[in-house]
Amino acid sequence: MVKRVITGAHYGLKDWLAQRVTALVMAVYVIVFVGILLICPPRQYEGWRALFSNQWMRIATMVFFLSLFWHAWIGMRNILMDYVKPTGVRLGLEVAVLLVLAGYAVWAVQILWSL
């Protein structure tokens, strides 16, 4: 009898699709943002403040950052599952990554909505 060894959590297609969708969201945001900067580049702080005072720009930027954090989480979780074999160490690193990404998300909200 052959004993099957199961590794990882078999996220598979869901993670693959999430990586592609988040990458697409980030790419579209970067293209639009660069287009805005080419058309009417803000020269001073007031220009940048005016750009990000628009609600649609804040929301688009927040969607970009949430996509970035989700993309990073999937990538880091897969790297940790592949290369960190001791379960306790891997769990500790995953919790650390989650806390850092959650902190960055809170920080992004604070920056975007404090303008």
PDB file of N, CA and C in Angstrom:
ATOM      1  N   MET A   1       0.848  -1.170   0.000  1.00  0.00           N
ATOM      2  CA  MET A   1       0.000   0.000   0.000  1.00  0.00           C
ATOM      3  C   MET A   1       0.899   1.240   0.000  1.00  0.00           C
ATOM      4  N   VAL A   2       0.535   2.212  -0.814  1.00  0.00           N
ATOM      5  CA  VAL A   2       1.285   3.459  -0.906  1.00  0.00           C
ATOM      6  C   VAL A   2       0.626   4.479   0.005  1.00  0.00           C
ATOM      7  N   LYS A   3       1.445   5.062   0.878  1.00  0.00           N
ATOM      8  CA  LYS A   3       0.931   6.081   1.781  1.00  0.00           C
ATOM      9  C   LYS A   3       1.086   7.446   1.127  1.00  0.00           C
ATOM     10  N   ARG A   4      -0.014   8.140   0.991  1.00  0.00           N
ATOM     11  CA  ARG A   4       0.004   9.473   0.389  1.00  0.00           C
ATOM     12  C   ARG A   4       0.463  10.498   1.398  1.00  0.00           C
ATOM     13  N   VAL A   5       1.371  11.370   0.994  1.00  0.00           N
ATOM     14  CA  VAL A   5       1.830  12.458   1.854  1.00  0.00           C
ATOM     15  C   VAL A   5       1.161  13.736   1.375  1.00  0.00           C
ATOM     16  N   ILE A   6       0.391  14.332   2.269  1.00  0.00           N
ATOM     17  CA  ILE A   6      -0.313  15.565   1.921  1.00  0.00           C
ATOM     18  C   ILE A   6       0.464  16.735   2.502  1.00  0.00           C
ATOM     19  N   THR A   7       0.803  17.675   1.632  1.00  0.00           N
ATOM     20  CA  THR A   7       1.500  18.870   2.093  1.00  0.00           C
ATOM     21  C   THR A   7       0.674  20.093   1.746  1.00  0.00           C
ATOM     22  N   GLY A   8       0.744  21.088   2.595  1.00  0.00           N
ATOM     23  CA  GLY A   8       0.015  22.322   2.326  1.00  0.00           C
ATOM     24  C   GLY A   8      -1.468  22.149   2.540  1.00  0.00           C
ATOM     25  N   ALA A   9      -2.217  23.140   2.152  1.00  0.00           N
ATOM     26  CA  ALA A   9      -3.651  23.123   2.377  1.00  0.00           C
ATOM     27  C   ALA A   9      -4.441  22.983   1.082  1.00  0.00           C
ATOM     28  N   HIS A  10      -3.758  22.823  -0.041  1.00  0.00           N
ATOM     29  CA  HIS A  10      -4.405  22.616  -1.339  1.00  0.00           C
ATOM     30  C   HIS A  10      -5.372  23.749  -1.700  1.00  0.00           C
ATOM     31  N   TYR A  11      -4.864  24.965  -1.661  1.00  0.00           N
ATOM     32  CA  TYR A  11      -5.685  26.104  -2.034  1.00  0.00           C
ATOM     33  C   TYR A  11      -5.838  26.183  -3.552  1.00  0.00           C
ATOM     34  N   GLY A  12      -4.802  25.802  -4.277  1.00  0.00           N
ATOM     35  CA  GLY A  12      -4.834  25.610  -5.711  1.00  0.00           C
ATOM     36  C   GLY A  12      -5.441  26.707  -6.551  1.00  0.00           C
ATOM     37  N   LEU A  13      -6.535  26.370  -7.214  1.00  0.00           N
ATOM     38  CA  LEU A  13      -7.152  27.254  -8.189  1.00  0.00           C
ATOM     39  C   LEU A  13      -7.591  28.575  -7.574  1.00  0.00           C
ATOM     40  N   LYS A  14      -8.116  28.532  -6.362  1.00  0.00           N
ATOM     41  CA  LYS A  14      -8.579  29.759  -5.704  1.00  0.00           C
ATOM     42  C   LYS A  14      -7.421  30.741  -5.526  1.00  0.00           C
ATOM     43  N   ASP A  15      -6.285  30.265  -5.070  1.00  0.00           N
ATOM     44  CA  ASP A  15      -5.120  31.136  -4.890  1.00  0.00           C
ATOM     45  C   ASP A  15      -4.557  31.600  -6.222  1.00  0.00           C
ATOM     46  N   TRP A  16      -4.510  30.709  -7.182  1.00  0.00           N
ATOM     47  CA  TRP A  16      -4.008  31.082  -8.501  1.00  0.00           C
ATOM     48  C   TRP A  16      -4.851  32.206  -9.085  1.00  0.00           C
ATOM     49  N   LEU A  17      -6.172  32.056  -8.997  1.00  0.00           N
ATOM     50  CA  LEU A  17      -7.083  33.064  -9.520  1.00  0.00           C
ATOM     51  C   LEU A  17      -6.981  34.375  -8.728  1.00  0.00           C
ATOM     52  N   ALA A  18      -6.880  34.278  -7.420  1.00  0.00           N
ATOM     53  CA  ALA A  18      -6.752  35.481  -6.585  1.00  0.00           C
ATOM     54  C   ALA A  18      -5.472  36.241  -6.926  1.00  0.00           C
ATOM     55  N   GLN A  19      -4.380  35.517  -7.146  1.00  0.00           N
ATOM     56  CA  GLN A  19      -3.119  36.166  -7.524  1.00  0.00           C
ATOM     57  C   GLN A  19      -3.283  36.912  -8.846  1.00  0.00           C
ATOM     58  N   ARG A  20      -3.964  36.314  -9.799  1.00  0.00           N
ATOM     59  CA  ARG A  20      -4.134  36.953 -11.115  1.00  0.00           C
ATOM     60  C   ARG A  20      -5.064  38.152 -11.036  1.00  0.00           C
ATOM     61  N   VAL A  21      -6.156  38.026 -10.287  1.00  0.00           N
ATOM     62  CA  VAL A  21      -7.112  39.130 -10.166  1.00  0.00           C
ATOM     63  C   VAL A  21      -6.477  40.306  -9.430  1.00  0.00           C
ATOM     64  N   THR A  22      -5.783  40.045  -8.323  1.00  0.00           N
ATOM     65  CA  THR A  22      -5.149  41.140  -7.590  1.00  0.00           C
ATOM     66  C   THR A  22      -4.054  41.789  -8.429  1.00  0.00           C
ATOM     67  N   ALA A  23      -3.319  40.999  -9.188  1.00  0.00           N
ATOM     68  CA  ALA A  23      -2.288  41.570 -10.066  1.00  0.00           C
ATOM     69  C   ALA A  23      -2.926  42.449 -11.135  1.00  0.00           C
ATOM     70  N   LEU A  24      -4.056  42.025 -11.677  1.00  0.00           N
ATOM     71  CA  LEU A  24      -4.762  42.822 -12.680  1.00  0.00           C
ATOM     72  C   LEU A  24      -5.266  44.136 -12.085  1.00  0.00           C
ATOM     73  N   VAL A  25      -5.845  44.073 -10.893  1.00  0.00           N
ATOM     74  CA  VAL A  25      -6.318  45.290 -10.213  1.00  0.00           C
ATOM     75  C   VAL A  25      -5.162  46.260 -10.002  1.00  0.00           C
ATOM     76  N   MET A  26      -4.030  45.747  -9.529  1.00  0.00           N
ATOM     77  CA  MET A  26      -2.874  46.609  -9.284  1.00  0.00           C
ATOM     78  C   MET A  26      -2.336  47.190 -10.588  1.00  0.00           C
ATOM     79  N   ALA A  27      -2.302  46.401 -11.643  1.00  0.00           N
ATOM     80  CA  ALA A  27      -1.795  46.883 -12.932  1.00  0.00           C
ATOM     81  C   ALA A  27      -2.692  47.984 -13.491  1.00  0.00           C
ATOM     82  N   VAL A  28      -4.005  47.798 -13.417  1.00  0.00           N
ATOM     83  CA  VAL A  28      -4.939  48.822 -13.909  1.00  0.00           C
ATOM     84  C   VAL A  28      -4.768  50.109 -13.111  1.00  0.00           C
ATOM     85  N   TYR A  29      -4.671  49.994 -11.787  1.00  0.00           N
ATOM     86  CA  TYR A  29      -4.488  51.189 -10.951  1.00  0.00           C
ATOM     87  C   TYR A  29      -3.202  51.922 -11.329  1.00  0.00           C
ATOM     88  N   VAL A  30      -2.118  51.199 -11.493  1.00  0.00           N
ATOM     89  CA  VAL A  30      -0.835  51.837 -11.832  1.00  0.00           C
ATOM     90  C   VAL A  30      -0.923  52.535 -13.180  1.00  0.00           C
ATOM     91  N   ILE A  31      -1.543  51.897 -14.155  1.00  0.00           N
ATOM     92  CA  ILE A  31      -1.668  52.514 -15.481  1.00  0.00           C
ATOM     93  C   ILE A  31      -2.501  53.794 -15.398  1.00  0.00           C
ATOM     94  N   VAL A  32      -3.626  53.748 -14.695  1.00  0.00           N
ATOM     95  CA  VAL A  32      -4.475  54.931 -14.550  1.00  0.00           C
ATOM     96  C   VAL A  32      -3.743  56.023 -13.777  1.00  0.00           C
ATOM     97  N   PHE A  33      -3.053  55.639 -12.702  1.00  0.00           N
ATOM     98  CA  PHE A  33      -2.337  56.616 -11.877  1.00  0.00           C
ATOM     99  C   PHE A  33      -1.215  57.286 -12.662  1.00  0.00           C
ATOM    100  N   VAL A  34      -0.473  56.517 -13.414  1.00  0.00           N
ATOM    101  CA  VAL A  34       0.582  57.094 -14.255  1.00  0.00           C
ATOM    102  C   VAL A  34      -0.031  58.007 -15.312  1.00  0.00           C
ATOM    103  N   GLY A  35      -1.173  57.612 -15.875  1.00  0.00           N
ATOM    104  CA  GLY A  35      -1.860  58.470 -16.835  1.00  0.00           C
ATOM    105  C   GLY A  35      -2.259  59.802 -16.222  1.00  0.00           C
ATOM    106  N   ILE A  36      -2.789  59.761 -15.006  1.00  0.00           N
ATOM    107  CA  ILE A  36      -3.155  60.995 -14.305  1.00  0.00           C
ATOM    108  C   ILE A  36      -1.926  61.865 -14.080  1.00  0.00           C
ATOM    109  N   LEU A  37      -0.831  61.233 -13.675  1.00  0.00           N
ATOM    110  CA  LEU A  37       0.394  61.998 -13.415  1.00  0.00           C
ATOM    111  C   LEU A  37       0.981  62.589 -14.691  1.00  0.00           C
ATOM    112  N   LEU A  38       0.802  61.916 -15.819  1.00  0.00           N
ATOM    113  CA  LEU A  38       1.302  62.455 -17.086  1.00  0.00           C
ATOM    114  C   LEU A  38       0.439  63.610 -17.592  1.00  0.00           C
ATOM    115  N   ILE A  39      -0.863  63.520 -17.370  1.00  0.00           N
ATOM    116  CA  ILE A  39      -1.778  64.553 -17.854  1.00  0.00           C
ATOM    117  C   ILE A  39      -1.685  65.826 -17.011  1.00  0.00           C
ATOM    118  N   CYS A  40      -1.767  65.666 -15.704  1.00  0.00           N
ATOM    119  CA  CYS A  40      -1.722  66.839 -14.818  1.00  0.00           C
ATOM    120  C   CYS A  40      -0.916  66.508 -13.566  1.00  0.00           C
ATOM    121  N   PRO A  41       0.404  66.560 -13.689  1.00  0.00           N
ATOM    122  CA  PRO A  41       1.246  66.189 -12.543  1.00  0.00           C
ATOM    123  C   PRO A  41       1.155  67.213 -11.411  1.00  0.00           C
ATOM    124  N   PRO A  42       0.889  66.736 -10.188  1.00  0.00           N
ATOM    125  CA  PRO A  42       0.891  67.655  -9.045  1.00  0.00           C
ATOM    126  C   PRO A  42       2.319  68.120  -8.770  1.00  0.00           C
ATOM    127  N   ARG A  43       2.508  69.411  -8.652  1.00  0.00           N
ATOM    128  CA  ARG A  43       3.849  69.969  -8.463  1.00  0.00           C
ATOM    129  C   ARG A  43       4.211  70.123  -6.989  1.00  0.00           C
ATOM    130  N   GLN A  44       3.223  70.414  -6.172  1.00  0.00           N
ATOM    131  CA  GLN A  44       3.483  70.651  -4.755  1.00  0.00           C
ATOM    132  C   GLN A  44       2.508  69.851  -3.909  1.00  0.00           C
ATOM    133  N   TYR A  45       2.671  69.985  -2.605  1.00  0.00           N
ATOM    134  CA  TYR A  45       1.847  69.240  -1.653  1.00  0.00           C
ATOM    135  C   TYR A  45       0.362  69.485  -1.891  1.00  0.00           C
ATOM    136  N   GLU A  46      -0.020  70.715  -2.169  1.00  0.00           N
ATOM    137  CA  GLU A  46      -1.426  71.041  -2.367  1.00  0.00           C
ATOM    138  C   GLU A  46      -2.015  70.267  -3.553  1.00  0.00           C
ATOM    139  N   GLY A  47      -1.224  70.091  -4.599  1.00  0.00           N
ATOM    140  CA  GLY A  47      -1.685  69.316  -5.748  1.00  0.00           C
ATOM    141  C   GLY A  47      -1.919  67.858  -5.407  1.00  0.00           C
ATOM    142  N   TRP A  48      -0.988  67.278  -4.649  1.00  0.00           N
ATOM    143  CA  TRP A  48      -1.156  65.888  -4.218  1.00  0.00           C
ATOM    144  C   TRP A  48      -2.365  65.755  -3.298  1.00  0.00           C
ATOM    145  N   ARG A  49      -2.520  66.727  -2.402  1.00  0.00           N
ATOM    146  CA  ARG A  49      -3.655  66.708  -1.476  1.00  0.00           C
ATOM    147  C   ARG A  49      -4.972  66.797  -2.245  1.00  0.00           C
ATOM    148  N   ALA A  50      -5.007  67.656  -3.248  1.00  0.00           N
ATOM    149  CA  ALA A  50      -6.225  67.799  -4.057  1.00  0.00           C
ATOM    150  C   ALA A  50      -6.530  66.507  -4.825  1.00  0.00           C
ATOM    151  N   LEU A  51      -5.485  65.864  -5.343  1.00  0.00           N
ATOM    152  CA  LEU A  51      -5.677  64.610  -6.071  1.00  0.00           C
ATOM    153  C   LEU A  51      -6.308  63.543  -5.181  1.00  0.00           C
ATOM    154  N   PHE A  52      -5.797  63.415  -3.958  1.00  0.00           N
ATOM    155  CA  PHE A  52      -6.285  62.368  -3.061  1.00  0.00           C
ATOM    156  C   PHE A  52      -7.462  62.816  -2.203  1.00  0.00           C
ATOM    157  N   SER A  53      -7.935  64.041  -2.385  1.00  0.00           N
ATOM    158  CA  SER A  53      -9.134  64.466  -1.661  1.00  0.00           C
ATOM    159  C   SER A  53     -10.394  63.977  -2.368  1.00  0.00           C
ATOM    160  N   ASN A  54     -10.254  63.575  -3.626  1.00  0.00           N
ATOM    161  CA  ASN A  54     -11.392  62.998  -4.352  1.00  0.00           C
ATOM    162  C   ASN A  54     -11.721  61.619  -3.785  1.00  0.00           C
ATOM    163  N   GLN A  55     -12.994  61.404  -3.494  1.00  0.00           N
ATOM    164  CA  GLN A  55     -13.417  60.133  -2.899  1.00  0.00           C
ATOM    165  C   GLN A  55     -13.085  58.947  -3.803  1.00  0.00           C
ATOM    166  N   TRP A  56     -13.266  59.087  -5.115  1.00  0.00           N
ATOM    167  CA  TRP A  56     -12.996  57.973  -6.033  1.00  0.00           C
ATOM    168  C   TRP A  56     -11.517  57.598  -6.021  1.00  0.00           C
ATOM    169  N   MET A  57     -10.633  58.599  -5.862  1.00  0.00           N
ATOM    170  CA  MET A  57      -9.200  58.308  -5.823  1.00  0.00           C
ATOM    171  C   MET A  57      -8.823  57.592  -4.529  1.00  0.00           C
ATOM    172  N   ARG A  58      -9.435  58.000  -3.434  1.00  0.00           N
ATOM    173  CA  ARG A  58      -9.191  57.320  -2.153  1.00  0.00           C
ATOM    174  C   ARG A  58      -9.643  55.867  -2.219  1.00  0.00           C
ATOM    175  N   ILE A  59     -10.830  55.658  -2.770  1.00  0.00           N
ATOM    176  CA  ILE A  59     -11.363  54.294  -2.859  1.00  0.00           C
ATOM    177  C   ILE A  59     -10.494  53.446  -3.790  1.00  0.00           C
ATOM    178  N   ALA A  60     -10.125  54.005  -4.946  1.00  0.00           N
ATOM    179  CA  ALA A  60      -9.272  53.261  -5.886  1.00  0.00           C
ATOM    180  C   ALA A  60      -7.930  52.923  -5.250  1.00  0.00           C
ATOM    181  N   THR A  61      -7.365  53.868  -4.507  1.00  0.00           N
ATOM    182  CA  THR A  61      -6.084  53.618  -3.849  1.00  0.00           C
ATOM    183  C   THR A  61      -6.232  52.565  -2.755  1.00  0.00           C
ATOM    184  N   MET A  62      -7.345  52.613  -2.016  1.00  0.00           N
ATOM    185  CA  MET A  62      -7.565  51.608  -0.976  1.00  0.00           C
ATOM    186  C   MET A  62      -7.756  50.225  -1.591  1.00  0.00           C
ATOM    187  N   VAL A  63      -8.478  50.152  -2.708  1.00  0.00           N
ATOM    188  CA  VAL A  63      -8.634  48.864  -3.403  1.00  0.00           C
ATOM    189  C   VAL A  63      -7.269  48.364  -3.872  1.00  0.00           C
ATOM    190  N   PHE A  64      -6.423  49.277  -4.367  1.00  0.00           N
ATOM    191  CA  PHE A  64      -5.071  48.900  -4.767  1.00  0.00           C
ATOM    192  C   PHE A  64      -4.311  48.305  -3.588  1.00  0.00           C
ATOM    193  N   PHE A  65      -4.336  49.002  -2.442  1.00  0.00           N
ATOM    194  CA  PHE A  65      -3.585  48.507  -1.287  1.00  0.00           C
ATOM    195  C   PHE A  65      -4.153  47.194  -0.757  1.00  0.00           C
ATOM    196  N   LEU A  66      -5.469  47.043  -0.720  1.00  0.00           N
ATOM    197  CA  LEU A  66      -6.045  45.776  -0.275  1.00  0.00           C
ATOM    198  C   LEU A  66      -5.658  44.642  -1.217  1.00  0.00           C
ATOM    199  N   SER A  67      -5.639  44.922  -2.519  1.00  0.00           N
ATOM    200  CA  SER A  67      -5.193  43.920  -3.487  1.00  0.00           C
ATOM    201  C   SER A  67      -3.727  43.572  -3.263  1.00  0.00           C
ATOM    202  N   LEU A  68      -2.921  44.592  -2.998  1.00  0.00           N
ATOM    203  CA  LEU A  68      -1.497  44.371  -2.732  1.00  0.00           C
ATOM    204  C   LEU A  68      -1.298  43.499  -1.501  1.00  0.00           C
ATOM    205  N   PHE A  69      -2.028  43.797  -0.427  1.00  0.00           N
ATOM    206  CA  PHE A  69      -1.869  43.029   0.810  1.00  0.00           C
ATOM    207  C   PHE A  69      -2.361  41.594   0.645  1.00  0.00           C
ATOM    208  N   TRP A  70      -3.455  41.400  -0.063  1.00  0.00           N
ATOM    209  CA  TRP A  70      -3.968  40.043  -0.298  1.00  0.00           C
ATOM    210  C   TRP A  70      -2.985  39.262  -1.168  1.00  0.00           C
ATOM    211  N   HIS A  71      -2.474  39.911  -2.199  1.00  0.00           N
ATOM    212  CA  HIS A  71      -1.486  39.308  -3.091  1.00  0.00           C
ATOM    213  C   HIS A  71      -0.243  38.893  -2.297  1.00  0.00           C
ATOM    214  N   ALA A  72       0.209  39.802  -1.447  1.00  0.00           N
ATOM    215  CA  ALA A  72       1.394  39.516  -0.624  1.00  0.00           C
ATOM    216  C   ALA A  72       1.123  38.373   0.352  1.00  0.00           C
ATOM    217  N   TRP A  73      -0.072  38.348   0.961  1.00  0.00           N
ATOM    218  CA  TRP A  73      -0.393  37.291   1.909  1.00  0.00           C
ATOM    219  C   TRP A  73      -0.372  35.917   1.232  1.00  0.00           C
ATOM    220  N   ILE A  74      -0.995  35.819   0.064  1.00  0.00           N
ATOM    221  CA  ILE A  74      -1.025  34.530  -0.635  1.00  0.00           C
ATOM    222  C   ILE A  74       0.395  34.086  -0.991  1.00  0.00           C
ATOM    223  N   GLY A  75       1.187  35.013  -1.505  1.00  0.00           N
ATOM    224  CA  GLY A  75       2.560  34.672  -1.862  1.00  0.00           C
ATOM    225  C   GLY A  75       3.391  34.249  -0.663  1.00  0.00           C
ATOM    226  N   MET A  76       3.302  35.013   0.417  1.00  0.00           N
ATOM    227  CA  MET A  76       4.089  34.681   1.612  1.00  0.00           C
ATOM    228  C   MET A  76       3.615  33.370   2.247  1.00  0.00           C
ATOM    229  N   ARG A  77       2.300  33.160   2.282  1.00  0.00           N
ATOM    230  CA  ARG A  77       1.796  31.911   2.859  1.00  0.00           C
ATOM    231  C   ARG A  77       2.288  30.714   2.053  1.00  0.00           C
ATOM    232  N   ASN A  78       2.275  30.828   0.733  1.00  0.00           N
ATOM    233  CA  ASN A  78       2.739  29.718  -0.105  1.00  0.00           C
ATOM    234  C   ASN A  78       4.230  29.486   0.067  1.00  0.00           C
ATOM    235  N   ILE A  79       5.009  30.555   0.157  1.00  0.00           N
ATOM    236  CA  ILE A  79       6.446  30.405   0.389  1.00  0.00           C
ATOM    237  C   ILE A  79       6.692  29.727   1.729  1.00  0.00           C
ATOM    238  N   LEU A  80       5.992  30.179   2.770  1.00  0.00           N
ATOM    239  CA  LEU A  80       6.181  29.587   4.099  1.00  0.00           C
ATOM    240  C   LEU A  80       5.745  28.123   4.119  1.00  0.00           C
ATOM    241  N   MET A  81       4.636  27.790   3.441  1.00  0.00           N
ATOM    242  CA  MET A  81       4.193  26.392   3.408  1.00  0.00           C
ATOM    243  C   MET A  81       5.192  25.510   2.674  1.00  0.00           C
ATOM    244  N   ASP A  82       5.849  26.059   1.651  1.00  0.00           N
ATOM    245  CA  ASP A  82       6.786  25.268   0.866  1.00  0.00           C
ATOM    246  C   ASP A  82       8.138  25.084   1.556  1.00  0.00           C
ATOM    247  N   TYR A  83       8.614  26.117   2.252  1.00  0.00           N
ATOM    248  CA  TYR A  83      10.003  26.093   2.701  1.00  0.00           C
ATOM    249  C   TYR A  83      10.210  26.032   4.208  1.00  0.00           C
ATOM    250  N   VAL A  84       9.192  26.307   5.016  1.00  0.00           N
ATOM    251  CA  VAL A  84       9.346  26.232   6.466  1.00  0.00           C
ATOM    252  C   VAL A  84       8.597  24.992   6.942  1.00  0.00           C
ATOM    253  N   LYS A  85       9.354  23.964   7.293  1.00  0.00           N
ATOM    254  CA  LYS A  85       8.737  22.677   7.617  1.00  0.00           C
ATOM    255  C   LYS A  85       8.229  22.562   9.056  1.00  0.00           C
ATOM    256  N   PRO A  86       8.944  23.074  10.078  1.00  0.00           N
ATOM    257  CA  PRO A  86       8.397  22.955  11.437  1.00  0.00           C
ATOM    258  C   PRO A  86       7.091  23.754  11.575  1.00  0.00           C
ATOM    259  N   THR A  87       6.042  23.086  11.985  1.00  0.00           N
ATOM    260  CA  THR A  87       4.711  23.692  12.010  1.00  0.00           C
ATOM    261  C   THR A  87       4.647  24.917  12.916  1.00  0.00           C
ATOM    262  N   GLY A  88       5.248  24.838  14.078  1.00  0.00           N
ATOM    263  CA  GLY A  88       5.207  25.965  15.015  1.00  0.00           C
ATOM    264  C   GLY A  88       5.896  27.204  14.473  1.00  0.00           C
ATOM    265  N   VAL A  89       7.035  27.002  13.840  1.00  0.00           N
ATOM    266  CA  VAL A  89       7.774  28.127  13.260  1.00  0.00           C
ATOM    267  C   VAL A  89       6.969  28.723  12.111  1.00  0.00           C
ATOM    268  N   ARG A  90       6.421  27.859  11.273  1.00  0.00           N
ATOM    269  CA  ARG A  90       5.630  28.340  10.139  1.00  0.00           C
ATOM    270  C   ARG A  90       4.415  29.122  10.621  1.00  0.00           C
ATOM    271  N   LEU A  91       3.708  28.619  11.624  1.00  0.00           N
ATOM    272  CA  LEU A  91       2.544  29.305  12.165  1.00  0.00           C
ATOM    273  C   LEU A  91       2.939  30.664  12.737  1.00  0.00           C
ATOM    274  N   GLY A  92       4.050  30.701  13.465  1.00  0.00           N
ATOM    275  CA  GLY A  92       4.524  31.965  14.021  1.00  0.00           C
ATOM    276  C   GLY A  92       4.842  32.987  12.943  1.00  0.00           C
ATOM    277  N   LEU A  93       5.494  32.534  11.876  1.00  0.00           N
ATOM    278  CA  LEU A  93       5.813  33.435  10.769  1.00  0.00           C
ATOM    279  C   LEU A  93       4.560  33.895  10.040  1.00  0.00           C
ATOM    280  N   GLU A  94       3.597  32.991   9.869  1.00  0.00           N
ATOM    281  CA  GLU A  94       2.345  33.376   9.215  1.00  0.00           C
ATOM    282  C   GLU A  94       1.590  34.416  10.035  1.00  0.00           C
ATOM    283  N   VAL A  95       1.557  34.233  11.343  1.00  0.00           N
ATOM    284  CA  VAL A  95       0.901  35.214  12.216  1.00  0.00           C
ATOM    285  C   VAL A  95       1.628  36.558  12.130  1.00  0.00           C
ATOM    286  N   ALA A  96       2.960  36.527  12.114  1.00  0.00           N
ATOM    287  CA  ALA A  96       3.733  37.768  12.003  1.00  0.00           C
ATOM    288  C   ALA A  96       3.427  38.484  10.689  1.00  0.00           C
ATOM    289  N   VAL A  97       3.377  37.736   9.590  1.00  0.00           N
ATOM    290  CA  VAL A  97       3.070  38.334   8.286  1.00  0.00           C
ATOM    291  C   VAL A  97       1.662  38.934   8.306  1.00  0.00           C
ATOM    292  N   LEU A  98       0.697  38.202   8.867  1.00  0.00           N
ATOM    293  CA  LEU A  98      -0.671  38.717   8.949  1.00  0.00           C
ATOM    294  C   LEU A  98      -0.746  39.997   9.774  1.00  0.00           C
ATOM    295  N   LEU A  99      -0.048  40.031  10.891  1.00  0.00           N
ATOM    296  CA  LEU A  99      -0.063  41.231  11.730  1.00  0.00           C
ATOM    297  C   LEU A  99       0.571  42.424  11.023  1.00  0.00           C
ATOM    298  N   VAL A 100       1.666  42.196  10.337  1.00  0.00           N
ATOM    299  CA  VAL A 100       2.320  43.281   9.596  1.00  0.00           C
ATOM    300  C   VAL A 100       1.407  43.792   8.489  1.00  0.00           C
ATOM    301  N   LEU A 101       0.809  42.892   7.716  1.00  0.00           N
ATOM    302  CA  LEU A 101      -0.085  43.308   6.628  1.00  0.00           C
ATOM    303  C   LEU A 101      -1.328  44.019   7.171  1.00  0.00           C
ATOM    304  N   ALA A 102      -1.877  43.547   8.281  1.00  0.00           N
ATOM    305  CA  ALA A 102      -3.034  44.213   8.894  1.00  0.00           C
ATOM    306  C   ALA A 102      -2.631  45.608   9.384  1.00  0.00           C
ATOM    307  N   GLY A 103      -1.447  45.721   9.968  1.00  0.00           N
ATOM    308  CA  GLY A 103      -0.958  47.029  10.396  1.00  0.00           C
ATOM    309  C   GLY A 103      -0.791  47.982   9.231  1.00  0.00           C
ATOM    310  N   TYR A 104      -0.260  47.479   8.120  1.00  0.00           N
ATOM    311  CA  TYR A 104      -0.120  48.308   6.923  1.00  0.00           C
ATOM    312  C   TYR A 104      -1.488  48.744   6.390  1.00  0.00           C
ATOM    313  N   ALA A 105      -2.475  47.862   6.449  1.00  0.00           N
ATOM    314  CA  ALA A 105      -3.820  48.202   5.975  1.00  0.00           C
ATOM    315  C   ALA A 105      -4.423  49.312   6.834  1.00  0.00           C
ATOM    316  N   VAL A 106      -4.281  49.199   8.148  1.00  0.00           N
ATOM    317  CA  VAL A 106      -4.784  50.244   9.047  1.00  0.00           C
ATOM    318  C   VAL A 106      -4.061  51.557   8.775  1.00  0.00           C
ATOM    319  N   TRP A 107      -2.761  51.479   8.569  1.00  0.00           N
ATOM    320  CA  TRP A 107      -1.966  52.671   8.284  1.00  0.00           C
ATOM    321  C   TRP A 107      -2.408  53.319   6.966  1.00  0.00           C
ATOM    322  N   ALA A 108      -2.688  52.514   5.954  1.00  0.00           N
ATOM    323  CA  ALA A 108      -3.152  53.047   4.662  1.00  0.00           C
ATOM    324  C   ALA A 108      -4.499  53.756   4.829  1.00  0.00           C
ATOM    325  N   VAL A 109      -5.412  53.163   5.580  1.00  0.00           N
ATOM    326  CA  VAL A 109      -6.708  53.806   5.834  1.00  0.00           C
ATOM    327  C   VAL A 109      -6.496  55.133   6.559  1.00  0.00           C
ATOM    328  N   GLN A 110      -5.644  55.108   7.552  1.00  0.00           N
ATOM    329  CA  GLN A 110      -5.373  56.328   8.330  1.00  0.00           C
ATOM    330  C   GLN A 110      -4.806  57.427   7.424  1.00  0.00           C
ATOM    331  N   ILE A 111      -3.882  57.088   6.560  1.00  0.00           N
ATOM    332  CA  ILE A 111      -3.284  58.084   5.668  1.00  0.00           C
ATOM    333  C   ILE A 111      -4.310  58.603   4.664  1.00  0.00           C
ATOM    334  N   LEU A 112      -5.041  57.685   4.020  1.00  0.00           N
ATOM    335  CA  LEU A 112      -5.970  58.091   2.974  1.00  0.00           C
ATOM    336  C   LEU A 112      -7.141  58.915   3.483  1.00  0.00           C
ATOM    337  N   TRP A 113      -7.630  58.622   4.668  1.00  0.00           N
ATOM    338  CA  TRP A 113      -8.807  59.334   5.160  1.00  0.00           C
ATOM    339  C   TRP A 113      -8.464  60.425   6.169  1.00  0.00           C
ATOM    340  N   SER A 114      -7.179  60.755   6.322  1.00  0.00           N
ATOM    341  CA  SER A 114      -6.819  61.873   7.200  1.00  0.00           C
ATOM    342  C   SER A 114      -6.503  63.125   6.400  1.00  0.00           C
ATOM    343  N   LEU A 115      -6.585  63.025   5.076  1.00  0.00           N
ATOM    344  CA  LEU A 115      -6.276  64.184   4.236  1.00  0.00           C
ATOM    345  C   LEU A 115      -7.315  65.258   4.361  1.00  0.00           C
TER     346      LEU A 115
END
